[in-house]
Protein backbone atom coordinates (compact mmCIF):
# COMPACT_ATOMS: atom_id res chain seq x y z
CA MET A 1 76.84 164.91 -10.14
CA VAL A 2 77.53 168.61 -9.57
CA GLU A 3 73.99 169.15 -8.16
CA ASN A 4 74.59 166.34 -5.62
CA TYR A 5 77.82 167.92 -4.40
CA LEU A 6 76.14 171.33 -4.16
CA ARG A 7 73.32 169.82 -2.05
CA ALA A 8 75.83 168.06 0.19
CA THR A 9 77.60 171.39 0.92
CA GLY A 10 74.40 173.30 1.53
CA PHE A 11 75.10 175.70 -1.43
CA TYR A 12 72.59 174.34 -3.90
CA HIS A 13 69.91 176.98 -3.19
CA VAL A 14 72.40 179.79 -3.47
CA SER A 15 73.83 178.46 -6.78
CA LYS A 16 70.31 178.90 -8.27
CA ILE A 17 69.93 182.53 -7.40
CA GLY A 18 71.69 184.29 -10.22
CA VAL A 19 72.87 187.86 -10.17
CA ILE A 20 70.61 190.97 -9.69
CA ARG A 21 72.04 193.90 -11.61
CA GLU A 22 71.36 197.51 -12.59
CA PHE A 23 70.15 198.83 -9.24
CA HIS A 24 73.00 201.36 -8.72
CA PRO A 25 70.71 204.21 -7.37
CA LEU A 26 69.40 201.93 -4.65
CA LEU A 27 72.97 200.82 -3.77
CA ALA A 28 74.20 204.39 -3.66
CA ALA A 29 71.27 205.46 -1.45
CA LEU A 30 71.91 202.63 1.03
CA VAL A 31 75.65 203.25 1.21
CA GLU A 32 75.06 206.90 1.80
CA ARG A 33 72.96 206.05 4.85
CA TRP A 34 75.34 203.38 6.27
CA ARG A 35 77.03 204.15 9.52
CA PRO A 36 80.21 202.05 10.16
CA GLU A 37 80.12 202.90 13.85
CA THR A 38 76.92 201.01 14.46
CA HIS A 39 76.66 198.86 11.34
CA THR A 40 73.18 200.30 10.64
CA PHE A 41 71.35 202.28 8.02
CA VAL A 42 70.09 205.59 9.41
CA LEU A 43 66.72 206.28 7.81
CA PRO A 44 64.06 208.91 8.61
CA VAL A 45 62.13 206.26 10.56
CA GLY A 46 65.11 205.12 12.56
CA GLU A 47 68.09 202.73 12.39
CA VAL A 48 67.74 199.39 10.65
CA THR A 49 70.22 196.74 9.58
CA VAL A 50 70.60 193.33 7.90
CA THR A 51 70.63 190.53 10.49
CA LEU A 52 71.54 186.81 10.63
CA GLU A 53 67.85 185.98 10.42
CA ASP A 54 67.65 187.96 7.17
CA VAL A 55 70.57 186.02 5.70
CA ALA A 56 68.92 182.66 6.53
CA TYR A 57 65.58 183.85 5.18
CA ILE A 58 66.91 185.40 1.98
CA PHE A 59 69.81 183.14 1.05
CA GLY A 60 69.00 179.97 2.95
CA LEU A 61 72.52 179.75 4.31
CA PRO A 62 73.28 178.12 7.70
CA ILE A 63 73.82 180.53 10.55
CA ASP A 64 74.86 177.94 13.12
CA GLY A 65 78.04 175.89 13.06
CA GLU A 66 81.82 176.60 12.96
CA ALA A 67 83.16 180.03 12.25
CA VAL A 68 84.61 180.59 8.74
CA SER A 69 88.10 181.59 9.72
CA GLY A 70 91.78 180.71 9.25
CA TRP A 71 94.97 182.01 7.68
CA THR A 72 95.05 183.24 4.17
CA ASP A 73 97.79 183.41 1.59
CA SER A 74 97.58 184.82 -1.93
CA SER A 75 101.10 183.79 -3.06
CA GLY A 76 101.46 181.85 -6.32
CA TYR A 77 102.85 178.79 -4.45
CA PHE A 78 99.78 178.72 -2.12
CA VAL A 79 97.26 179.01 -4.99
CA GLN A 80 99.09 176.26 -6.92
CA SER A 81 99.38 173.77 -4.08
CA GLN A 82 95.85 174.21 -2.80
CA SER A 83 94.35 173.91 -6.26
CA HIS A 84 96.35 170.72 -6.89
CA ALA A 85 95.20 169.25 -3.56
CA ILE A 86 91.49 170.04 -4.12
CA PHE A 87 91.01 169.96 -7.94
CA GLY A 88 93.98 167.92 -9.03
CA ARG A 89 94.99 170.33 -11.70
CA GLU A 90 96.73 173.66 -12.38
CA PRO A 91 94.58 176.57 -11.39
CA GLU A 92 93.26 179.00 -14.06
CA VAL A 93 93.58 182.40 -12.43
CA SER A 94 91.57 185.56 -13.19
CA SER A 95 93.22 188.01 -15.60
CA SER A 96 92.37 190.93 -13.24
CA SER A 97 93.58 189.26 -10.01
CA LYS A 98 95.91 186.35 -9.51
CA SER A 99 94.18 185.65 -6.16
CA TYR A 100 91.04 184.41 -7.91
CA ILE A 101 90.88 180.92 -9.54
CA LYS A 102 88.32 179.58 -11.99
CA LEU A 103 86.07 177.03 -10.34
CA GLY A 104 85.74 174.70 -13.33
CA TRP A 105 86.73 173.93 -16.95
CA LYS A 106 83.37 175.18 -18.36
CA SER A 107 82.52 177.59 -15.55
CA THR A 108 82.84 181.38 -15.59
CA ALA A 109 82.77 181.65 -11.84
CA TYR A 110 85.91 182.49 -9.91
CA ALA A 111 86.63 182.09 -6.18
CA HIS A 112 89.18 183.85 -4.00
CA ALA A 113 92.13 181.59 -3.02
CA LYS A 114 91.57 182.40 0.63
CA TYR A 115 88.61 179.94 0.63
CA LEU A 116 90.60 176.96 -0.70
CA PRO A 117 91.60 175.55 2.72
CA LEU A 118 87.98 175.42 3.78
CA LEU A 119 87.17 173.38 0.70
CA ARG A 120 89.89 170.72 1.20
CA ASP A 121 87.79 168.68 3.64
CA PHE A 122 84.62 168.37 1.50
CA ASP A 123 82.58 166.52 4.19
CA ARG A 124 82.98 169.50 6.59
CA ILE A 125 81.90 172.32 4.29
CA HIS A 126 78.27 172.13 5.49
CA THR A 127 79.33 172.42 9.06
CA TYR A 128 80.44 176.09 8.70
CA SER A 129 78.29 179.08 9.52
CA TRP A 130 78.34 180.48 6.02
CA GLY A 131 75.48 182.83 6.78
CA SER A 132 77.60 184.52 9.45
CA ALA A 133 80.49 184.88 7.03
CA CYS A 134 78.18 186.32 4.40
CA LEU A 135 76.79 188.98 6.75
CA ALA A 136 80.29 189.88 7.96
CA HIS A 137 81.38 190.22 4.34
CA LEU A 138 78.40 192.54 3.66
CA TYR A 139 79.14 194.75 6.69
CA ARG A 140 82.83 195.03 5.70
CA ALA A 141 81.92 195.84 2.17
CA LEU A 142 79.43 198.51 3.25
CA CYS A 143 81.99 200.07 5.62
CA ARG A 144 84.54 200.24 2.81
CA ALA A 145 82.03 201.64 0.35
CA SER A 146 81.02 204.38 2.76
CA ARG A 147 84.46 205.98 2.57
CA PHE A 148 84.59 209.17 0.56
CA ASP A 149 87.43 207.86 -1.65
CA THR A 150 85.73 204.56 -2.58
CA LYS A 151 84.04 204.31 -6.05
CA GLU A 152 82.96 200.65 -6.14
CA MET A 153 81.54 197.92 -3.83
CA ASP A 154 81.83 194.18 -3.79
CA GLY A 155 80.17 191.69 -1.46
CA PRO A 156 76.79 189.85 -1.49
CA LEU A 157 74.81 192.62 -3.21
CA ASN A 158 71.87 190.27 -3.93
CA LEU A 159 71.42 189.98 -0.14
CA LEU A 160 71.40 193.75 0.26
CA PHE A 161 68.91 194.36 -2.59
CA VAL A 162 66.40 191.70 -1.58
CA TRP A 163 66.69 192.78 2.11
CA ALA A 164 65.78 196.34 1.11
CA TRP A 165 62.85 195.18 -1.00
CA GLU A 166 61.56 192.90 1.71
CA ARG A 167 61.84 195.51 4.45
CA MET A 168 60.72 198.46 2.26
CA PRO A 169 58.24 197.01 -0.27
CA CYS A 170 57.37 200.48 -1.63
CA ILE A 171 60.77 200.62 -3.40
CA ALA A 172 60.63 197.07 -4.81
CA PRO A 173 60.82 196.85 -8.62
CA VAL A 174 58.08 194.16 -8.59
CA PRO A 175 55.00 194.17 -6.27
CA ARG A 176 55.08 191.40 -3.70
CA ASN A 177 51.80 190.02 -4.76
CA THR A 178 53.26 189.21 -8.21
CA LEU A 179 56.21 187.31 -6.92
CA PRO A 180 56.29 183.52 -7.66
CA PRO A 181 55.47 181.10 -4.82
CA ALA A 182 57.78 181.65 -1.81
CA GLU A 183 60.78 179.29 -1.53
CA ILE A 184 64.15 179.22 0.11
CA PRO A 185 65.98 181.23 -0.73
CA VAL A 186 63.78 184.26 -1.19
CA ALA A 187 66.49 185.85 -3.31
CA LYS A 188 65.70 183.26 -6.12
CA SER A 189 62.19 184.44 -6.37
CA ALA A 190 63.15 188.12 -6.37
CA HIS A 191 65.77 187.52 -9.00
CA HIS A 192 63.32 185.60 -11.19
CA SER A 193 60.72 188.35 -11.02
CA VAL A 194 63.20 191.18 -11.58
CA VAL A 195 64.52 189.45 -14.70
CA ILE A 196 60.97 188.98 -16.02
CA GLU A 197 60.08 192.59 -15.27
CA HIS A 198 63.12 193.89 -17.21
CA ARG A 199 62.40 191.60 -20.14
CA SER A 200 58.80 192.72 -20.38
CA ASP A 201 59.98 196.32 -20.80
CA ILE A 202 62.15 195.49 -23.86
């Protein structure tokens, strides 16, 4: 039942990707070369950046459709009322931030309350340009991380890592010719191979 709902929203492929971890040196190197003024990485060979085409190719998210926008509210009343309207129950909030609610009784995933209004009309979820929102989130996260007083970074890091490995294969942890058969999203193949590579070293 859950898989059918995920397919209807267009998030099924993304839900199968998993999380790519333990590449802090690569993340630090990319952030160091990020220029907020142009939203590009300045490399010895020139300026490059992640594009909407990359998001569609790597994550399989739609880049056409309605903009993901609207008002947000992180108050307790907003979180409670929206959760009741969508899930029909009291929200279970994250211990670290009351703005994040648990997505399911047996799930360990949390979502920010700002997305709840977009989930109320389930039949319209697939009409939004989630790829554009994902790219905007990455740009914003990189701009914040490039500040001298920032020590952490959030955002779609899987997108950033796979983009770097696709565009600069010489730094990829797994040679491209050993990746599983290509499929949408590309991030799923990369995640699968990175996990296998790490396990083979244990």
